[in-house]
């Protein structure tokens, strides 16, 4: 085993290494701090229903998060237990366009290869 990307086949026992790619991401944070414990408690209460189970739990803890997510548009995913969101972009210019009109804390970043 070694770090980096790989294509898994079978039950994951056959791994073919893949070249690292230069992936860009835009990040948006609404300024809402969520307690991870509260989000997981809500996840337990909601029984993990919905497409992104933890996002639904975070929205249960902080209902305004749902409105923020909707304002971002399609393609944005919540990070961990929230409350930041990210979307994959093709390059820095596309990222600047993606975050240009957002009224919140934003950042652009590139992924580091092989878990640098």
C-alpha atoms as a PDB file:
ATOM      1  CA  UNK A   1       0.000   0.000   0.000  1.00  0.00           C
ATOM      2  CA  UNK A   2       1.056   3.548  -0.708  1.00  0.00           C
ATOM      3  CA  UNK A   3      -0.664   6.899  -0.883  1.00  0.00           C
ATOM      4  CA  UNK A   4      -2.169   8.458  -3.960  1.00  0.00           C
ATOM      5  CA  UNK A   5      -5.023   7.681  -6.310  1.00  0.00           C
ATOM      6  CA  UNK A   6      -5.913   4.209  -7.497  1.00  0.00           C
ATOM      7  CA  UNK A   7      -8.593   2.418  -9.494  1.00  0.00           C
ATOM      8  CA  UNK A   8     -10.049  -0.403  -7.385  1.00  0.00           C
ATOM      9  CA  UNK A   9     -11.486  -3.572  -8.918  1.00  0.00           C
ATOM     10  CA  UNK A  10     -13.117  -6.667  -7.523  1.00  0.00           C
ATOM     11  CA  UNK A  11     -13.829  -6.076  -3.860  1.00  0.00           C
ATOM     12  CA  UNK A  12     -11.027  -3.564  -3.697  1.00  0.00           C
ATOM     13  CA  UNK A  13      -8.254  -6.141  -3.684  1.00  0.00           C
ATOM     14  CA  UNK A  14      -6.954  -5.196  -7.158  1.00  0.00           C
ATOM     15  CA  UNK A  15      -5.536  -1.682  -7.227  1.00  0.00           C
ATOM     16  CA  UNK A  16      -4.092   0.066 -10.257  1.00  0.00           C
ATOM     17  CA  UNK A  17      -2.211   3.292  -9.433  1.00  0.00           C
ATOM     18  CA  UNK A  18      -3.452   6.438 -11.184  1.00  0.00           C
ATOM     19  CA  UNK A  19      -1.489   9.603 -11.830  1.00  0.00           C
ATOM     20  CA  UNK A  20      -2.180  12.479  -9.482  1.00  0.00           C
ATOM     21  CA  UNK A  21      -4.344  15.172 -10.988  1.00  0.00           C
ATOM     22  CA  UNK A  22      -4.388  18.881 -10.377  1.00  0.00           C
ATOM     23  CA  UNK A  23      -7.837  19.281  -8.853  1.00  0.00           C
ATOM     24  CA  UNK A  24      -9.186  22.715  -7.919  1.00  0.00           C
ATOM     25  CA  UNK A  25     -11.903  23.415  -5.351  1.00  0.00           C
ATOM     26  CA  UNK A  26     -13.938  26.458  -4.341  1.00  0.00           C
ATOM     27  CA  UNK A  27     -14.967  26.673  -0.685  1.00  0.00           C
ATOM     28  CA  UNK A  28     -17.774  28.754   0.825  1.00  0.00           C
ATOM     29  CA  UNK A  29     -18.418  29.147   4.564  1.00  0.00           C
ATOM     30  CA  UNK A  30     -21.580  30.901   5.768  1.00  0.00           C
ATOM     31  CA  UNK A  31     -20.060  31.933   9.109  1.00  0.00           C
ATOM     32  CA  UNK A  32     -22.148  29.380  10.986  1.00  0.00           C
ATOM     33  CA  UNK A  33     -20.357  27.248  13.563  1.00  0.00           C
ATOM     34  CA  UNK A  34     -21.920  23.854  14.203  1.00  0.00           C
ATOM     35  CA  UNK A  35     -21.227  21.482  17.057  1.00  0.00           C
ATOM     36  CA  UNK A  36     -20.141  18.158  15.565  1.00  0.00           C
ATOM     37  CA  UNK A  37     -21.743  16.403  18.541  1.00  0.00           C
ATOM     38  CA  UNK A  38     -25.075  18.160  17.866  1.00  0.00           C
ATOM     39  CA  UNK A  39     -24.966  17.242  14.168  1.00  0.00           C
ATOM     40  CA  UNK A  40     -24.295  13.570  14.905  1.00  0.00           C
ATOM     41  CA  UNK A  41     -27.005  13.570  17.587  1.00  0.00           C
ATOM     42  CA  UNK A  42     -29.440  14.898  14.973  1.00  0.00           C
ATOM     43  CA  UNK A  43     -28.178  12.249  12.529  1.00  0.00           C
ATOM     44  CA  UNK A  44     -29.047   9.567  15.101  1.00  0.00           C
ATOM     45  CA  UNK A  45     -32.510  11.086  15.613  1.00  0.00           C
ATOM     46  CA  UNK A  46     -33.213  11.353  11.872  1.00  0.00           C
ATOM     47  CA  UNK A  47     -32.096   7.756  11.229  1.00  0.00           C
ATOM     48  CA  UNK A  48     -29.852   8.746   8.316  1.00  0.00           C
ATOM     49  CA  UNK A  49     -32.603   9.451   5.793  1.00  0.00           C
ATOM     50  CA  UNK A  50     -31.933  11.458   2.632  1.00  0.00           C
ATOM     51  CA  UNK A  51     -29.199  11.613  -0.002  1.00  0.00           C
ATOM     52  CA  UNK A  52     -26.528  13.316   2.127  1.00  0.00           C
ATOM     53  CA  UNK A  53     -27.375  12.103   5.595  1.00  0.00           C
ATOM     54  CA  UNK A  54     -25.050  14.394   7.526  1.00  0.00           C
ATOM     55  CA  UNK A  55     -26.130  17.474   5.571  1.00  0.00           C
ATOM     56  CA  UNK A  56     -29.740  16.831   6.506  1.00  0.00           C
ATOM     57  CA  UNK A  57     -28.693  16.510  10.149  1.00  0.00           C
ATOM     58  CA  UNK A  58     -26.698  19.762   9.965  1.00  0.00           C
ATOM     59  CA  UNK A  59     -29.706  21.524   8.443  1.00  0.00           C
ATOM     60  CA  UNK A  60     -31.837  20.151  11.291  1.00  0.00           C
ATOM     61  CA  UNK A  61     -29.426  21.702  13.826  1.00  0.00           C
ATOM     62  CA  UNK A  62     -29.179  24.991  11.890  1.00  0.00           C
ATOM     63  CA  UNK A  63     -32.142  25.487   9.510  1.00  0.00           C
ATOM     64  CA  UNK A  64     -30.574  28.552   7.825  1.00  0.00           C
ATOM     65  CA  UNK A  65     -27.919  26.223   6.387  1.00  0.00           C
ATOM     66  CA  UNK A  66     -30.514  24.872   3.948  1.00  0.00           C
ATOM     67  CA  UNK A  67     -31.117  28.360   2.529  1.00  0.00           C
ATOM     68  CA  UNK A  68     -27.366  28.974   2.261  1.00  0.00           C
ATOM     69  CA  UNK A  69     -26.883  25.685   0.382  1.00  0.00           C
ATOM     70  CA  UNK A  70     -29.712  26.560  -2.004  1.00  0.00           C
ATOM     71  CA  UNK A  71     -28.129  29.958  -2.703  1.00  0.00           C
ATOM     72  CA  UNK A  72     -24.909  28.251  -3.827  1.00  0.00           C
ATOM     73  CA  UNK A  73     -26.659  26.342  -6.587  1.00  0.00           C
ATOM     74  CA  UNK A  74     -26.066  22.812  -7.862  1.00  0.00           C
ATOM     75  CA  UNK A  75     -22.771  20.980  -7.496  1.00  0.00           C
ATOM     76  CA  UNK A  76     -21.845  22.147  -3.994  1.00  0.00           C
ATOM     77  CA  UNK A  77     -21.358  19.566  -1.233  1.00  0.00           C
ATOM     78  CA  UNK A  78     -21.119  20.092   2.510  1.00  0.00           C
ATOM     79  CA  UNK A  79     -17.781  19.415   4.173  1.00  0.00           C
ATOM     80  CA  UNK A  80     -17.865  16.830   6.958  1.00  0.00           C
ATOM     81  CA  UNK A  81     -20.429  17.802   9.579  1.00  0.00           C
ATOM     82  CA  UNK A  82     -20.631  21.348   8.204  1.00  0.00           C
ATOM     83  CA  UNK A  83     -20.981  24.124   7.786  1.00  0.00           C
ATOM     84  CA  UNK A  84     -18.663  24.888   4.870  1.00  0.00           C
ATOM     85  CA  UNK A  85     -19.438  23.792   1.311  1.00  0.00           C
ATOM     86  CA  UNK A  86     -17.135  22.983  -1.587  1.00  0.00           C
ATOM     87  CA  UNK A  87     -17.373  22.353  -5.303  1.00  0.00           C
ATOM     88  CA  UNK A  88     -14.827  20.993  -7.724  1.00  0.00           C
ATOM     89  CA  UNK A  89     -13.770  23.427 -10.428  1.00  0.00           C
ATOM     90  CA  UNK A  90     -11.566  23.121 -13.499  1.00  0.00           C
ATOM     91  CA  UNK A  91      -9.172  25.983 -12.808  1.00  0.00           C
ATOM     92  CA  UNK A  92      -8.571  29.114 -10.774  1.00  0.00           C
ATOM     93  CA  UNK A  93     -10.455  31.363 -13.214  1.00  0.00           C
ATOM     94  CA  UNK A  94     -13.565  29.176 -13.015  1.00  0.00           C
ATOM     95  CA  UNK A  95     -13.234  29.210  -9.239  1.00  0.00           C
ATOM     96  CA  UNK A  96     -13.070  32.995  -9.072  1.00  0.00           C
ATOM     97  CA  UNK A  97     -16.259  33.086 -11.126  1.00  0.00           C
ATOM     98  CA  UNK A  98     -17.919  30.508  -8.819  1.00  0.00           C
ATOM     99  CA  UNK A  99     -17.222  32.502  -5.653  1.00  0.00           C
ATOM    100  CA  UNK A 100     -17.293  36.008  -7.124  1.00  0.00           C
ATOM    101  CA  UNK A 101     -20.817  36.942  -6.077  1.00  0.00           C
ATOM    102  CA  UNK A 102     -21.042  34.980  -2.833  1.00  0.00           C
ATOM    103  CA  UNK A 103     -21.568  37.064   0.300  1.00  0.00           C
ATOM    104  CA  UNK A 104     -19.606  34.867   2.694  1.00  0.00           C
ATOM    105  CA  UNK A 105     -16.069  33.702   3.434  1.00  0.00           C
ATOM    106  CA  UNK A 106     -14.636  31.987   0.360  1.00  0.00           C
ATOM    107  CA  UNK A 107     -11.399  30.376  -0.749  1.00  0.00           C
ATOM    108  CA  UNK A 108      -9.877  28.618  -3.736  1.00  0.00           C
ATOM    109  CA  UNK A 109      -7.482  25.734  -3.306  1.00  0.00           C
ATOM    110  CA  UNK A 110      -5.804  22.920  -5.172  1.00  0.00           C
ATOM    111  CA  UNK A 111      -5.664  19.363  -3.947  1.00  0.00           C
ATOM    112  CA  UNK A 112      -2.254  18.078  -2.942  1.00  0.00           C
ATOM    113  CA  UNK A 113      -1.153  14.865  -4.642  1.00  0.00           C
ATOM    114  CA  UNK A 114      -0.435  11.625  -2.813  1.00  0.00           C
ATOM    115  CA  UNK A 115      -1.461  13.058   0.547  1.00  0.00           C
ATOM    116  CA  UNK A 116       1.523  15.401   0.620  1.00  0.00           C
END
